[in-house]
Protein backbone atom coordinates (compact mmCIF):
# COMPACT_ATOMS: atom_id res chain seq x y z
CA MET A 1 -51.41 -222.68 -167.87
CA PRO A 2 -48.45 -222.26 -165.53
CA PRO A 3 -45.07 -221.72 -167.08
CA ALA A 4 -42.89 -224.74 -167.86
CA PRO A 5 -40.58 -224.03 -164.89
CA ALA A 6 -43.51 -224.50 -162.47
CA VAL A 7 -44.42 -227.79 -164.12
CA ALA A 8 -40.79 -228.91 -163.89
CA ALA A 9 -40.56 -227.82 -160.23
CA CYS A 10 -43.58 -229.96 -159.34
CA THR A 11 -42.10 -232.92 -161.17
CA ALA A 12 -38.71 -232.47 -159.50
CA SER A 13 -40.04 -232.06 -155.95
CA SER A 14 -38.13 -234.26 -153.52
CA PHE A 15 -41.17 -234.62 -151.27
CA GLY A 16 -44.90 -234.97 -151.51
CA ALA A 17 -46.89 -237.21 -153.83
CA LEU A 18 -46.90 -236.60 -157.56
CA VAL A 19 -50.23 -238.06 -158.69
CA ASP A 20 -51.41 -237.62 -162.25
CA ASN A 21 -51.15 -233.88 -162.90
CA GLU A 22 -50.81 -232.68 -159.35
CA LEU A 23 -48.34 -232.46 -156.50
CA LEU A 24 -49.84 -233.18 -153.07
CA VAL A 25 -47.99 -231.85 -150.01
CA ARG A 26 -48.90 -231.44 -146.40
CA HIS A 27 -49.86 -227.85 -145.59
CA VAL A 28 -47.10 -227.69 -142.96
CA ASP A 29 -44.52 -228.56 -145.66
CA VAL A 30 -45.40 -225.67 -148.01
CA PRO A 31 -42.46 -223.58 -146.68
CA ARG A 32 -40.11 -226.36 -147.86
CA LEU A 33 -41.30 -226.13 -151.48
CA ALA A 34 -39.01 -224.77 -154.17
CA PRO A 35 -39.23 -220.95 -154.31
CA LEU A 36 -41.22 -220.99 -157.55
CA LEU A 37 -43.82 -223.35 -156.05
CA ARG A 38 -44.02 -221.30 -152.86
CA ALA A 39 -44.79 -218.27 -155.04
CA PHE A 40 -47.44 -220.26 -156.96
CA GLU A 41 -49.11 -221.33 -153.69
CA GLY A 42 -48.68 -217.83 -152.25
CA CYS A 43 -50.61 -216.30 -155.16
CA ALA A 44 -53.51 -218.64 -154.44
CA ARG A 45 -53.38 -217.78 -150.73
CA ALA A 46 -53.36 -214.05 -151.59
CA VAL A 47 -56.59 -214.52 -153.56
CA LEU A 48 -58.24 -216.79 -151.00
CA GLY A 49 -56.75 -216.15 -147.59
CA GLU A 50 -56.03 -218.97 -145.16
CA VAL A 51 -58.06 -222.16 -145.05
CA GLU A 52 -57.67 -222.92 -141.36
CA THR A 53 -58.72 -226.57 -141.63
CA ALA A 54 -56.60 -227.44 -144.68
CA ASN A 55 -53.92 -230.03 -144.06
CA VAL A 56 -53.08 -230.88 -147.69
CA VAL A 57 -52.24 -228.55 -150.57
CA LYS A 58 -52.68 -229.74 -154.14
CA LEU A 59 -50.67 -227.91 -156.81
CA HIS A 60 -52.22 -228.60 -160.20
CA ARG A 61 -49.24 -228.77 -162.55
CA TYR A 62 -50.86 -227.70 -165.81
CA SER A 63 -54.02 -225.73 -165.04
CA GLY A 64 -52.75 -222.97 -162.75
CA LYS A 65 -55.00 -224.10 -159.90
CA VAL A 66 -54.23 -224.69 -156.24
CA SER A 67 -56.53 -226.69 -153.97
CA TYR A 68 -56.62 -226.64 -150.19
CA LEU A 69 -57.98 -229.87 -148.74
CA ALA A 70 -59.20 -230.67 -145.25
CA CYS A 71 -58.71 -234.41 -144.92
CA ALA A 72 -59.50 -236.93 -142.24
CA VAL A 73 -57.58 -240.14 -141.68
CA ARG A 74 -59.34 -243.26 -140.47
CA ARG A 75 -57.42 -245.80 -138.42
CA GLY A 76 -56.22 -248.61 -140.67
CA ASP A 77 -57.14 -246.76 -143.88
CA PRO A 78 -54.14 -245.19 -145.64
CA TYR A 79 -56.24 -243.07 -148.05
CA PRO A 80 -57.47 -239.87 -146.34
CA LEU A 81 -61.08 -238.80 -146.74
CA ILE A 82 -61.62 -235.35 -148.20
CA ARG A 83 -63.98 -233.33 -146.00
CA LEU A 84 -63.54 -229.92 -147.67
CA ARG A 85 -61.97 -228.76 -150.92
CA VAL A 86 -61.31 -225.12 -151.76
CA LYS A 87 -59.89 -224.68 -155.24
CA VAL A 88 -58.35 -221.42 -156.45
CA ASP A 89 -58.30 -221.03 -160.23
CA LEU A 90 -55.54 -218.46 -160.66
CA PRO A 91 -56.00 -217.82 -164.41
CA ARG A 92 -59.66 -216.95 -163.79
CA LEU A 93 -59.18 -215.54 -160.28
CA SER A 94 -62.08 -217.65 -159.06
CA ILE A 95 -62.68 -219.80 -156.00
CA HIS A 96 -64.68 -223.03 -155.88
CA THR A 97 -65.63 -224.63 -152.58
CA MET A 98 -67.01 -228.13 -152.07
CA SER A 99 -67.89 -229.57 -148.68
CA TYR A 100 -68.12 -233.32 -148.26
CA ALA A 101 -68.54 -233.20 -144.47
CA THR A 102 -72.05 -234.69 -144.53
CA ASP A 103 -71.49 -237.15 -147.39
CA ALA A 104 -71.92 -240.79 -146.43
CA ASP A 105 -69.08 -241.74 -148.78
CA PRO A 106 -66.78 -238.72 -149.24
CA PRO A 107 -64.03 -238.84 -151.88
CA ARG A 108 -60.54 -239.95 -150.97
CA LEU A 109 -57.16 -238.59 -151.86
CA ASP A 110 -55.41 -240.42 -154.69
CA ALA A 111 -52.37 -240.86 -152.45
CA THR A 112 -51.70 -242.42 -149.08
CA VAL A 113 -50.52 -240.52 -146.03
CA GLY A 114 -47.11 -242.15 -146.46
CA GLU A 115 -46.86 -241.02 -150.08
CA ILE A 116 -47.76 -237.44 -149.19
CA LYS A 117 -45.11 -237.48 -146.46
CA ARG A 118 -42.45 -238.90 -148.83
CA GLY A 119 -39.17 -237.08 -148.43
CA VAL A 120 -40.23 -235.47 -145.16
CA GLU A 121 -38.51 -236.43 -141.92
CA GLY A 122 -40.46 -239.33 -140.44
CA GLY A 123 -42.30 -240.13 -143.67
CA SER A 124 -41.79 -242.55 -146.52
CA ALA A 125 -43.74 -243.81 -149.48
CA GLY A 126 -44.81 -247.00 -147.79
CA SER A 127 -45.02 -246.18 -144.12
CA GLY A 128 -45.25 -243.43 -141.57
CA PRO A 129 -47.76 -242.23 -139.08
CA SER A 130 -51.34 -241.93 -140.21
CA ARG A 131 -51.41 -238.17 -139.57
CA LEU A 132 -51.23 -235.36 -142.09
CA SER A 133 -50.35 -232.54 -139.71
């Protein structure tokens, strides 16, 4: 379990989408995270390396996990489709990969593109371009 300051930093983030027990941010916005959250994500990246296709990073507030998601956005559909998920379990130092690329009905993010871009220049909770990168 991450320390209470990491949980508080996720909760206090001025951008991204706080959904259930996770903070979703665009991969390009990771450098804007609070220093503690950048360190949390950096630990996962040190274990895993780069996920070139990831455009969303999910910081799990209570479990000490970080997921890298490759999502696709369909025109007119605000909920991105998850094509690939790579989850780093930091307490166990393990990596779990799940590809949905060939699924007829892949899972969707629990947040819209606009919600993920909240607090980022050009993004708001209810609007914004339908791109994640």
